[in-house]
Amino acid sequence: LRIFVSLLPVLARATKHRFAAELIATALLRCREEEATALAIAVLGKPGVVATLACHCFGVQIVRSLLQVRGIGSFVMQEIARSEKKMKKDKFGSELLQELGVHPGSTLAVAQRGGA
């Protein structure tokens, strides 16, 4: 976590770098819960970052990891629901939506209730 603390000023840029994104995604899953939460909060520091990451070839892996962080996953799902329209237009975003069970013509809210 100390490494990530020192990288906070450039964390937004690091989320879109091939190797840094892999490191962040792995850290979110393997760190202790409080460290993963702190890292997730740092990653999610700006509005709209979930959609931006979900529509990026390296950032989408971070979103997948964020979905698994306790206490953060539900927030990330809400952000995905808000950005669903944008994500459907993007290759990586639409793949993530499919993984989450959202099919063309359906909405995330309907899919979460078990419909569509």
Foldseek 3Di string as FASTA:
>chain_A
DVVVVVCLVVLQVLCQDQVSVVVLLVCLVPPPLVVNVVSLCSQPVDPPSLVVLQQHPSSVSNLVSQLVRPPRNVVSLVSCLVCVVVLCVGPSSVVVCVVVPDDPPGGSVQVVVVHD
